[in-house]
């Protein structure tokens, strides 16, 4: 599972920039719950990254926000073949 947070939620310090308006680091993990827990820890202000000045205002416990029933009844499609 990978999460790409909004620019400014997680520090971009030490990230090799390809695009200052899009580059952001996010967690990669084995489960959604693990990714939410890691993002909770990663999110926050960094005095070395001006984009994160207001990040602490938006911090939350992402793990607590997970709802195991959020996709109940949802229909999903799976591409079984791709044409050229």
N, C-alpha and C. Protein backbone atom coordinates (compact mmCIF):
# COMPACT_ATOMS: atom_id res chain seq x y z
N UNK A 1 0.85 -1.17 0.00
CA UNK A 1 0.00 0.00 0.00
C UNK A 1 0.89 1.23 0.00
N UNK A 2 0.61 2.18 -0.85
CA UNK A 2 1.34 3.43 -0.88
C UNK A 2 0.39 4.60 -0.73
N UNK A 3 0.84 5.64 -0.05
CA UNK A 3 0.03 6.85 0.15
C UNK A 3 0.85 8.04 -0.33
N UNK A 4 0.27 8.87 -1.19
CA UNK A 4 0.91 10.11 -1.62
C UNK A 4 0.19 11.25 -0.93
N UNK A 5 0.78 11.79 0.14
CA UNK A 5 0.13 12.88 0.87
C UNK A 5 0.13 14.19 0.09
N UNK A 6 -0.75 15.07 0.49
CA UNK A 6 -0.80 16.41 -0.07
C UNK A 6 0.53 17.11 0.17
N UNK A 7 1.02 17.85 -0.81
CA UNK A 7 2.26 18.61 -0.64
C UNK A 7 2.08 19.56 0.54
N UNK A 8 3.03 19.53 1.45
CA UNK A 8 2.98 20.38 2.63
C UNK A 8 2.59 19.63 3.89
N UNK A 9 2.09 18.42 3.77
CA UNK A 9 1.75 17.64 4.97
C UNK A 9 2.98 16.94 5.53
N UNK A 10 3.89 16.53 4.64
CA UNK A 10 5.12 15.83 5.01
C UNK A 10 6.31 16.61 4.44
N UNK A 11 7.37 16.70 5.21
CA UNK A 11 8.55 17.44 4.78
C UNK A 11 9.14 16.88 3.49
N UNK A 12 9.64 17.80 2.64
CA UNK A 12 10.33 17.42 1.41
C UNK A 12 11.84 17.46 1.57
N UNK A 13 12.31 17.69 2.79
CA UNK A 13 13.75 17.76 3.02
C UNK A 13 14.39 16.43 2.63
N UNK A 14 15.48 16.48 1.92
CA UNK A 14 16.24 15.33 1.43
C UNK A 14 15.54 14.57 0.30
N UNK A 15 14.48 15.14 -0.27
CA UNK A 15 13.83 14.56 -1.43
C UNK A 15 14.48 15.18 -2.67
N UNK A 16 14.89 14.36 -3.62
CA UNK A 16 15.46 14.88 -4.87
C UNK A 16 14.29 15.45 -5.69
N UNK A 17 14.27 16.77 -5.89
CA UNK A 17 13.10 17.39 -6.53
C UNK A 17 13.05 17.21 -8.05
N UNK A 18 11.93 16.71 -8.51
CA UNK A 18 11.63 16.71 -9.93
C UNK A 18 10.65 17.85 -10.21
N UNK A 19 9.76 18.08 -9.26
CA UNK A 19 8.77 19.15 -9.36
C UNK A 19 8.44 19.62 -7.95
N UNK A 20 8.79 20.85 -7.61
CA UNK A 20 8.56 21.36 -6.26
C UNK A 20 7.08 21.37 -5.88
N UNK A 21 6.20 21.43 -6.88
CA UNK A 21 4.77 21.48 -6.57
C UNK A 21 4.13 20.10 -6.45
N UNK A 22 4.88 19.04 -6.78
CA UNK A 22 4.30 17.70 -6.72
C UNK A 22 5.09 16.72 -5.87
N UNK A 23 6.37 16.94 -5.68
CA UNK A 23 7.20 15.99 -4.95
C UNK A 23 6.83 15.96 -3.48
N UNK A 24 6.53 14.78 -2.99
CA UNK A 24 6.24 14.58 -1.57
C UNK A 24 6.50 13.13 -1.23
N UNK A 25 6.94 12.88 -0.04
CA UNK A 25 7.21 11.52 0.41
C UNK A 25 6.00 10.98 1.15
N UNK A 26 5.77 9.72 0.98
CA UNK A 26 4.66 9.08 1.69
C UNK A 26 5.03 7.67 2.08
N UNK A 27 4.26 7.08 2.96
CA UNK A 27 4.58 5.73 3.43
C UNK A 27 4.25 4.65 2.39
N UNK A 28 5.03 3.59 2.44
CA UNK A 28 4.74 2.36 1.69
C UNK A 28 4.76 1.25 2.73
N UNK A 29 3.71 0.42 2.73
CA UNK A 29 3.61 -0.59 3.77
C UNK A 29 2.86 -1.82 3.27
N UNK A 30 2.70 -2.79 4.15
CA UNK A 30 2.00 -4.03 3.80
C UNK A 30 0.49 -3.91 3.95
N UNK A 31 0.03 -2.92 4.72
CA UNK A 31 -1.42 -2.79 4.94
C UNK A 31 -1.82 -1.32 5.00
N UNK A 32 -3.10 -1.06 4.81
CA UNK A 32 -3.62 0.30 4.90
C UNK A 32 -3.44 0.82 6.32
N UNK A 33 -3.68 -0.04 7.30
CA UNK A 33 -3.53 0.38 8.70
C UNK A 33 -2.09 0.80 9.00
N UNK A 34 -1.12 0.04 8.49
CA UNK A 34 0.29 0.40 8.70
C UNK A 34 0.62 1.73 8.03
N UNK A 35 0.11 1.93 6.80
CA UNK A 35 0.36 3.18 6.08
C UNK A 35 -0.24 4.36 6.84
N UNK A 36 -1.43 4.18 7.40
CA UNK A 36 -2.08 5.26 8.17
C UNK A 36 -1.27 5.58 9.42
N UNK A 37 -0.78 4.57 10.08
CA UNK A 37 0.03 4.77 11.29
C UNK A 37 1.32 5.52 10.95
N UNK A 38 1.99 5.11 9.88
CA UNK A 38 3.24 5.76 9.47
C UNK A 38 3.00 7.20 9.05
N UNK A 39 1.92 7.46 8.32
CA UNK A 39 1.61 8.83 7.90
C UNK A 39 1.34 9.72 9.11
N UNK A 40 0.70 9.18 10.13
CA UNK A 40 0.45 9.94 11.35
C UNK A 40 1.77 10.44 11.94
N UNK A 41 2.79 9.58 11.90
CA UNK A 41 4.10 9.94 12.45
C UNK A 41 4.86 10.89 11.53
N UNK A 42 4.75 10.69 10.21
CA UNK A 42 5.49 11.51 9.24
C UNK A 42 4.97 12.94 9.11
N UNK A 43 3.68 13.12 9.26
CA UNK A 43 3.05 14.42 9.02
C UNK A 43 3.49 15.44 10.06
N UNK A 44 3.70 16.67 9.61
CA UNK A 44 4.04 17.74 10.55
C UNK A 44 4.94 18.79 9.93
N UNK A 45 5.11 19.85 10.67
CA UNK A 45 5.92 20.99 10.22
C UNK A 45 7.40 20.68 10.26
N UNK A 46 8.13 21.30 9.35
CA UNK A 46 9.59 21.20 9.29
C UNK A 46 10.12 22.60 9.05
N UNK A 47 10.93 23.14 9.96
CA UNK A 47 11.44 24.50 9.78
C UNK A 47 12.29 24.67 8.53
N UNK A 48 12.78 23.58 7.95
CA UNK A 48 13.61 23.63 6.74
C UNK A 48 12.79 23.56 5.46
N UNK A 49 11.46 23.35 5.57
CA UNK A 49 10.60 23.24 4.39
C UNK A 49 9.41 24.18 4.57
N UNK A 50 9.42 25.28 3.83
CA UNK A 50 8.38 26.30 3.98
C UNK A 50 6.98 25.79 3.63
N UNK A 51 6.90 24.75 2.81
CA UNK A 51 5.59 24.21 2.44
C UNK A 51 4.88 23.56 3.64
N UNK A 52 5.62 23.21 4.69
CA UNK A 52 5.03 22.51 5.83
C UNK A 52 4.70 23.43 7.00
N UNK A 53 4.80 24.73 6.82
CA UNK A 53 4.58 25.65 7.94
C UNK A 53 3.23 25.43 8.62
N UNK A 54 2.20 25.08 7.88
CA UNK A 54 0.87 24.89 8.46
C UNK A 54 0.51 23.42 8.63
N UNK A 55 1.46 22.54 8.47
CA UNK A 55 1.18 21.10 8.51
C UNK A 55 0.62 20.66 9.87
N UNK A 56 1.09 21.24 10.94
CA UNK A 56 0.61 20.83 12.25
C UNK A 56 -0.88 21.14 12.45
N UNK A 57 -1.39 22.11 11.71
CA UNK A 57 -2.82 22.44 11.81
C UNK A 57 -3.68 21.32 11.22
N UNK A 58 -3.10 20.51 10.34
CA UNK A 58 -3.85 19.47 9.64
C UNK A 58 -3.52 18.06 10.12
N UNK A 59 -2.67 17.95 11.15
CA UNK A 59 -2.30 16.63 11.66
C UNK A 59 -3.52 15.97 12.28
N UNK A 60 -3.60 14.68 12.08
CA UNK A 60 -4.68 13.90 12.67
C UNK A 60 -4.17 12.48 12.88
N UNK A 61 -4.93 11.69 13.57
CA UNK A 61 -4.61 10.28 13.74
C UNK A 61 -5.27 9.54 12.58
N UNK A 62 -4.51 9.29 11.53
CA UNK A 62 -5.07 8.67 10.33
C UNK A 62 -5.54 7.25 10.59
N UNK A 63 -4.91 6.55 11.52
CA UNK A 63 -5.33 5.20 11.87
C UNK A 63 -6.74 5.22 12.47
N UNK A 64 -7.02 6.20 13.31
CA UNK A 64 -8.34 6.31 13.93
C UNK A 64 -9.42 6.65 12.90
N UNK A 65 -9.02 7.22 11.77
CA UNK A 65 -9.99 7.61 10.74
C UNK A 65 -10.39 6.45 9.82
N UNK A 66 -9.71 5.33 9.92
CA UNK A 66 -10.02 4.19 9.05
C UNK A 66 -11.37 3.58 9.43
N UNK A 67 -12.14 3.22 8.42
CA UNK A 67 -13.44 2.58 8.62
C UNK A 67 -13.43 1.26 7.85
N UNK A 68 -13.45 0.14 8.57
CA UNK A 68 -13.38 -1.16 7.88
C UNK A 68 -14.57 -1.43 6.97
N UNK A 69 -15.65 -0.69 7.10
CA UNK A 69 -16.84 -0.88 6.27
C UNK A 69 -16.95 0.14 5.15
N UNK A 70 -15.91 0.96 4.95
CA UNK A 70 -16.02 2.06 3.99
C UNK A 70 -16.23 1.58 2.54
N UNK A 71 -15.80 0.39 2.22
CA UNK A 71 -15.98 -0.11 0.86
C UNK A 71 -17.09 -1.16 0.76
N UNK A 72 -17.82 -1.37 1.83
CA UNK A 72 -18.90 -2.36 1.81
C UNK A 72 -19.93 -1.96 0.75
N UNK A 73 -20.24 -2.88 -0.12
CA UNK A 73 -21.20 -2.63 -1.19
C UNK A 73 -20.62 -1.97 -2.42
N UNK A 74 -19.33 -1.62 -2.38
CA UNK A 74 -18.70 -0.98 -3.54
C UNK A 74 -18.48 -2.01 -4.65
N UNK A 75 -18.57 -1.57 -5.87
CA UNK A 75 -18.29 -2.43 -7.03
C UNK A 75 -16.98 -1.98 -7.65
N UNK A 76 -16.13 -2.94 -7.93
CA UNK A 76 -14.83 -2.64 -8.52
C UNK A 76 -14.62 -3.48 -9.76
N UNK A 77 -13.90 -2.93 -10.71
CA UNK A 77 -13.59 -3.65 -11.93
C UNK A 77 -12.13 -4.03 -11.96
N UNK A 78 -11.84 -5.15 -12.58
CA UNK A 78 -10.47 -5.62 -12.73
C UNK A 78 -10.23 -5.86 -14.22
N UNK A 79 -9.21 -5.21 -14.78
CA UNK A 79 -8.86 -5.41 -16.19
C UNK A 79 -8.18 -6.76 -16.31
N UNK A 80 -8.79 -7.67 -17.03
CA UNK A 80 -8.23 -9.02 -17.17
C UNK A 80 -7.32 -9.11 -18.38
N UNK A 81 -7.43 -8.19 -19.31
CA UNK A 81 -6.55 -8.17 -20.47
C UNK A 81 -6.46 -6.74 -20.95
N UNK A 82 -5.39 -6.47 -21.63
CA UNK A 82 -5.17 -5.13 -22.17
C UNK A 82 -4.93 -5.26 -23.67
N UNK A 83 -5.63 -4.47 -24.46
CA UNK A 83 -5.40 -4.51 -25.90
C UNK A 83 -4.33 -3.50 -26.27
N UNK A 84 -3.64 -3.78 -27.35
CA UNK A 84 -2.55 -2.88 -27.77
C UNK A 84 -3.03 -1.85 -28.72
